[in-house]
Amino acid sequence: MKLQYDQESDSLYIDFADRPSVGSREVSDGVVADFDSDGVLVGLDIEHASQRLDLTRIETAHLPSQITRVA
């Protein structure tokens, strides 16, 4: 999973899978879900992210022990 923040557009993209999106649906005002060809969720785009979320803190809890960290 990757989190990508674009400060210029104040948009946060959460990439759940390394597969291309073939369809999108707005699931809430300013939140767009991307789906692959099988209908599986591959990402979320959150507009005006800094107004909706606390971007100063990211926590993880109860993740599998085999995690690859990317700097």
N, C-alpha and C. Protein backbone atom coordinates (compact mmCIF):
# COMPACT_ATOMS: atom_id res chain seq x y z
N MET A 1 0.85 -1.16 0.00
CA MET A 1 0.00 0.00 0.00
C MET A 1 0.90 1.23 0.00
N LYS A 2 0.52 2.23 -0.80
CA LYS A 2 1.27 3.48 -0.86
C LYS A 2 0.32 4.64 -0.58
N LEU A 3 0.84 5.62 0.14
CA LEU A 3 0.12 6.87 0.35
C LEU A 3 0.86 7.95 -0.43
N GLN A 4 0.14 8.67 -1.28
CA GLN A 4 0.75 9.72 -2.08
C GLN A 4 -0.05 11.00 -1.89
N TYR A 5 0.62 12.04 -1.40
CA TYR A 5 -0.05 13.30 -1.16
C TYR A 5 0.46 14.33 -2.15
N ASP A 6 -0.45 15.04 -2.79
CA ASP A 6 -0.12 16.13 -3.71
C ASP A 6 -0.52 17.43 -3.03
N GLN A 7 0.47 18.18 -2.59
CA GLN A 7 0.21 19.41 -1.84
C GLN A 7 -0.49 20.46 -2.71
N GLU A 8 -0.14 20.52 -3.98
CA GLU A 8 -0.72 21.53 -4.87
C GLU A 8 -2.24 21.36 -5.00
N SER A 9 -2.70 20.11 -5.13
CA SER A 9 -4.14 19.87 -5.26
C SER A 9 -4.79 19.47 -3.94
N ASP A 10 -3.97 19.32 -2.88
CA ASP A 10 -4.45 18.87 -1.57
C ASP A 10 -5.23 17.57 -1.71
N SER A 11 -4.63 16.63 -2.43
CA SER A 11 -5.26 15.34 -2.69
C SER A 11 -4.38 14.22 -2.14
N LEU A 12 -5.01 13.26 -1.48
CA LEU A 12 -4.31 12.08 -0.97
C LEU A 12 -4.79 10.87 -1.74
N TYR A 13 -3.85 10.13 -2.33
CA TYR A 13 -4.20 8.90 -3.02
C TYR A 13 -3.66 7.72 -2.22
N ILE A 14 -4.53 6.79 -1.91
CA ILE A 14 -4.13 5.56 -1.22
C ILE A 14 -4.18 4.45 -2.25
N ASP A 15 -3.02 3.92 -2.57
CA ASP A 15 -2.86 2.90 -3.59
C ASP A 15 -2.82 1.54 -2.89
N PHE A 16 -3.87 0.74 -3.05
CA PHE A 16 -3.97 -0.55 -2.37
C PHE A 16 -3.31 -1.68 -3.13
N ALA A 17 -3.21 -1.55 -4.44
CA ALA A 17 -2.68 -2.64 -5.26
C ALA A 17 -1.94 -2.07 -6.46
N ASP A 18 -0.96 -2.80 -6.92
CA ASP A 18 -0.18 -2.38 -8.07
C ASP A 18 -0.84 -2.92 -9.35
N ARG A 19 -2.11 -2.56 -9.53
CA ARG A 19 -2.86 -2.96 -10.72
C ARG A 19 -3.53 -1.72 -11.28
N PRO A 20 -3.71 -1.67 -12.58
CA PRO A 20 -4.35 -0.49 -13.17
C PRO A 20 -5.83 -0.39 -12.83
N SER A 21 -6.27 0.84 -12.73
CA SER A 21 -7.69 1.11 -12.51
C SER A 21 -8.38 1.17 -13.87
N VAL A 22 -9.55 0.54 -13.95
CA VAL A 22 -10.32 0.61 -15.19
C VAL A 22 -11.66 1.30 -14.98
N GLY A 23 -11.96 1.59 -13.72
CA GLY A 23 -13.22 2.27 -13.41
C GLY A 23 -13.13 2.98 -12.09
N SER A 24 -13.94 4.03 -11.97
CA SER A 24 -13.96 4.82 -10.74
C SER A 24 -15.39 5.15 -10.36
N ARG A 25 -15.58 5.35 -9.05
CA ARG A 25 -16.91 5.75 -8.56
C ARG A 25 -16.73 6.66 -7.36
N GLU A 26 -17.46 7.77 -7.36
CA GLU A 26 -17.43 8.66 -6.20
C GLU A 26 -18.29 8.02 -5.12
N VAL A 27 -17.66 7.64 -4.01
CA VAL A 27 -18.34 6.92 -2.94
C VAL A 27 -18.81 7.85 -1.84
N SER A 28 -18.28 9.05 -1.83
CA SER A 28 -18.66 10.09 -0.88
C SER A 28 -18.22 11.40 -1.52
N ASP A 29 -18.74 12.51 -1.05
CA ASP A 29 -18.37 13.79 -1.63
C ASP A 29 -16.86 13.99 -1.56
N GLY A 30 -16.20 14.02 -2.72
CA GLY A 30 -14.76 14.22 -2.76
C GLY A 30 -13.93 13.00 -2.53
N VAL A 31 -14.54 11.82 -2.47
CA VAL A 31 -13.79 10.57 -2.29
C VAL A 31 -14.14 9.65 -3.46
N VAL A 32 -13.11 9.32 -4.25
CA VAL A 32 -13.31 8.51 -5.44
C VAL A 32 -12.59 7.18 -5.26
N ALA A 33 -13.32 6.09 -5.48
CA ALA A 33 -12.76 4.74 -5.39
C ALA A 33 -12.42 4.26 -6.79
N ASP A 34 -11.23 3.68 -6.96
CA ASP A 34 -10.79 3.12 -8.22
C ASP A 34 -10.83 1.60 -8.14
N PHE A 35 -11.29 0.98 -9.24
CA PHE A 35 -11.46 -0.47 -9.28
C PHE A 35 -10.71 -1.06 -10.48
N ASP A 36 -10.23 -2.30 -10.33
CA ASP A 36 -9.58 -2.99 -11.44
C ASP A 36 -10.63 -3.68 -12.32
N SER A 37 -10.18 -4.43 -13.29
CA SER A 37 -11.09 -5.07 -14.24
C SER A 37 -11.97 -6.14 -13.60
N ASP A 38 -11.60 -6.62 -12.42
CA ASP A 38 -12.41 -7.61 -11.69
C ASP A 38 -13.34 -6.95 -10.68
N GLY A 39 -13.32 -5.63 -10.61
CA GLY A 39 -14.17 -4.92 -9.66
C GLY A 39 -13.58 -4.82 -8.27
N VAL A 40 -12.29 -5.14 -8.14
CA VAL A 40 -11.60 -5.09 -6.84
C VAL A 40 -11.06 -3.67 -6.62
N LEU A 41 -11.25 -3.16 -5.42
CA LEU A 41 -10.76 -1.83 -5.06
C LEU A 41 -9.24 -1.80 -5.13
N VAL A 42 -8.70 -0.84 -5.91
CA VAL A 42 -7.25 -0.71 -6.02
C VAL A 42 -6.74 0.62 -5.49
N GLY A 43 -7.63 1.59 -5.25
CA GLY A 43 -7.18 2.86 -4.72
C GLY A 43 -8.31 3.79 -4.33
N LEU A 44 -7.97 4.77 -3.51
CA LEU A 44 -8.91 5.81 -3.09
C LEU A 44 -8.24 7.16 -3.28
N ASP A 45 -8.98 8.09 -3.86
CA ASP A 45 -8.51 9.46 -4.03
C ASP A 45 -9.36 10.35 -3.14
N ILE A 46 -8.71 11.08 -2.24
CA ILE A 46 -9.42 11.94 -1.30
C ILE A 46 -9.06 13.39 -1.58
N GLU A 47 -10.05 14.14 -2.08
CA GLU A 47 -9.85 15.56 -2.37
C GLU A 47 -9.93 16.36 -1.07
N HIS A 48 -9.24 17.51 -1.04
CA HIS A 48 -9.21 18.39 0.13
C HIS A 48 -8.80 17.59 1.38
N ALA A 49 -7.78 16.76 1.20
CA ALA A 49 -7.37 15.82 2.24
C ALA A 49 -6.99 16.50 3.56
N SER A 50 -6.31 17.63 3.48
CA SER A 50 -5.87 18.28 4.73
C SER A 50 -7.04 18.84 5.52
N GLN A 51 -8.17 19.05 4.87
CA GLN A 51 -9.36 19.53 5.57
C GLN A 51 -10.16 18.37 6.16
N ARG A 52 -9.97 17.17 5.63
CA ARG A 52 -10.73 15.99 6.07
C ARG A 52 -9.97 15.10 7.04
N LEU A 53 -8.63 15.14 6.94
CA LEU A 53 -7.79 14.20 7.68
C LEU A 53 -6.68 14.93 8.43
N ASP A 54 -6.17 14.30 9.48
CA ASP A 54 -4.98 14.80 10.16
C ASP A 54 -3.78 14.19 9.45
N LEU A 55 -3.17 14.95 8.55
CA LEU A 55 -2.06 14.44 7.75
C LEU A 55 -0.72 14.53 8.48
N THR A 56 -0.72 15.01 9.71
CA THR A 56 0.53 15.13 10.47
C THR A 56 0.90 13.83 11.17
N ARG A 57 0.00 12.87 11.14
CA ARG A 57 0.24 11.63 11.87
C ARG A 57 -0.32 10.43 11.10
N ILE A 58 0.52 9.42 10.92
CA ILE A 58 0.08 8.18 10.28
C ILE A 58 0.47 7.04 11.22
N GLU A 59 -0.49 6.22 11.58
CA GLU A 59 -0.24 5.08 12.46
C GLU A 59 -0.58 3.78 11.75
N THR A 60 0.10 2.74 12.14
CA THR A 60 -0.24 1.40 11.67
C THR A 60 -0.43 0.52 12.91
N ALA A 61 -1.30 -0.44 12.78
CA ALA A 61 -1.54 -1.34 13.91
C ALA A 61 -1.86 -2.73 13.39
N HIS A 62 -1.30 -3.72 14.02
CA HIS A 62 -1.61 -5.12 13.74
C HIS A 62 -1.40 -5.49 12.28
N LEU A 63 -0.26 -5.10 11.72
CA LEU A 63 0.07 -5.45 10.36
C LEU A 63 0.83 -6.77 10.34
N PRO A 64 0.78 -7.48 9.21
CA PRO A 64 1.55 -8.73 9.11
C PRO A 64 3.02 -8.47 9.36
N SER A 65 3.74 -9.47 9.81
CA SER A 65 5.14 -9.29 10.18
C SER A 65 6.06 -9.13 8.98
N GLN A 66 5.64 -9.52 7.80
CA GLN A 66 6.48 -9.41 6.61
C GLN A 66 6.06 -8.18 5.80
N ILE A 67 6.63 -7.05 6.18
CA ILE A 67 6.29 -5.78 5.53
C ILE A 67 7.57 -5.22 4.91
N THR A 68 7.46 -4.78 3.67
CA THR A 68 8.57 -4.13 3.00
C THR A 68 8.44 -2.63 3.22
N ARG A 69 9.49 -2.05 3.74
CA ARG A 69 9.48 -0.60 3.98
C ARG A 69 10.20 0.09 2.82
N VAL A 70 9.58 1.11 2.29
CA VAL A 70 10.16 1.89 1.21
C VAL A 70 10.46 3.28 1.74
N ALA A 71 11.68 3.72 1.56
CA ALA A 71 12.07 5.05 2.06
C ALA A 71 11.68 6.14 1.11
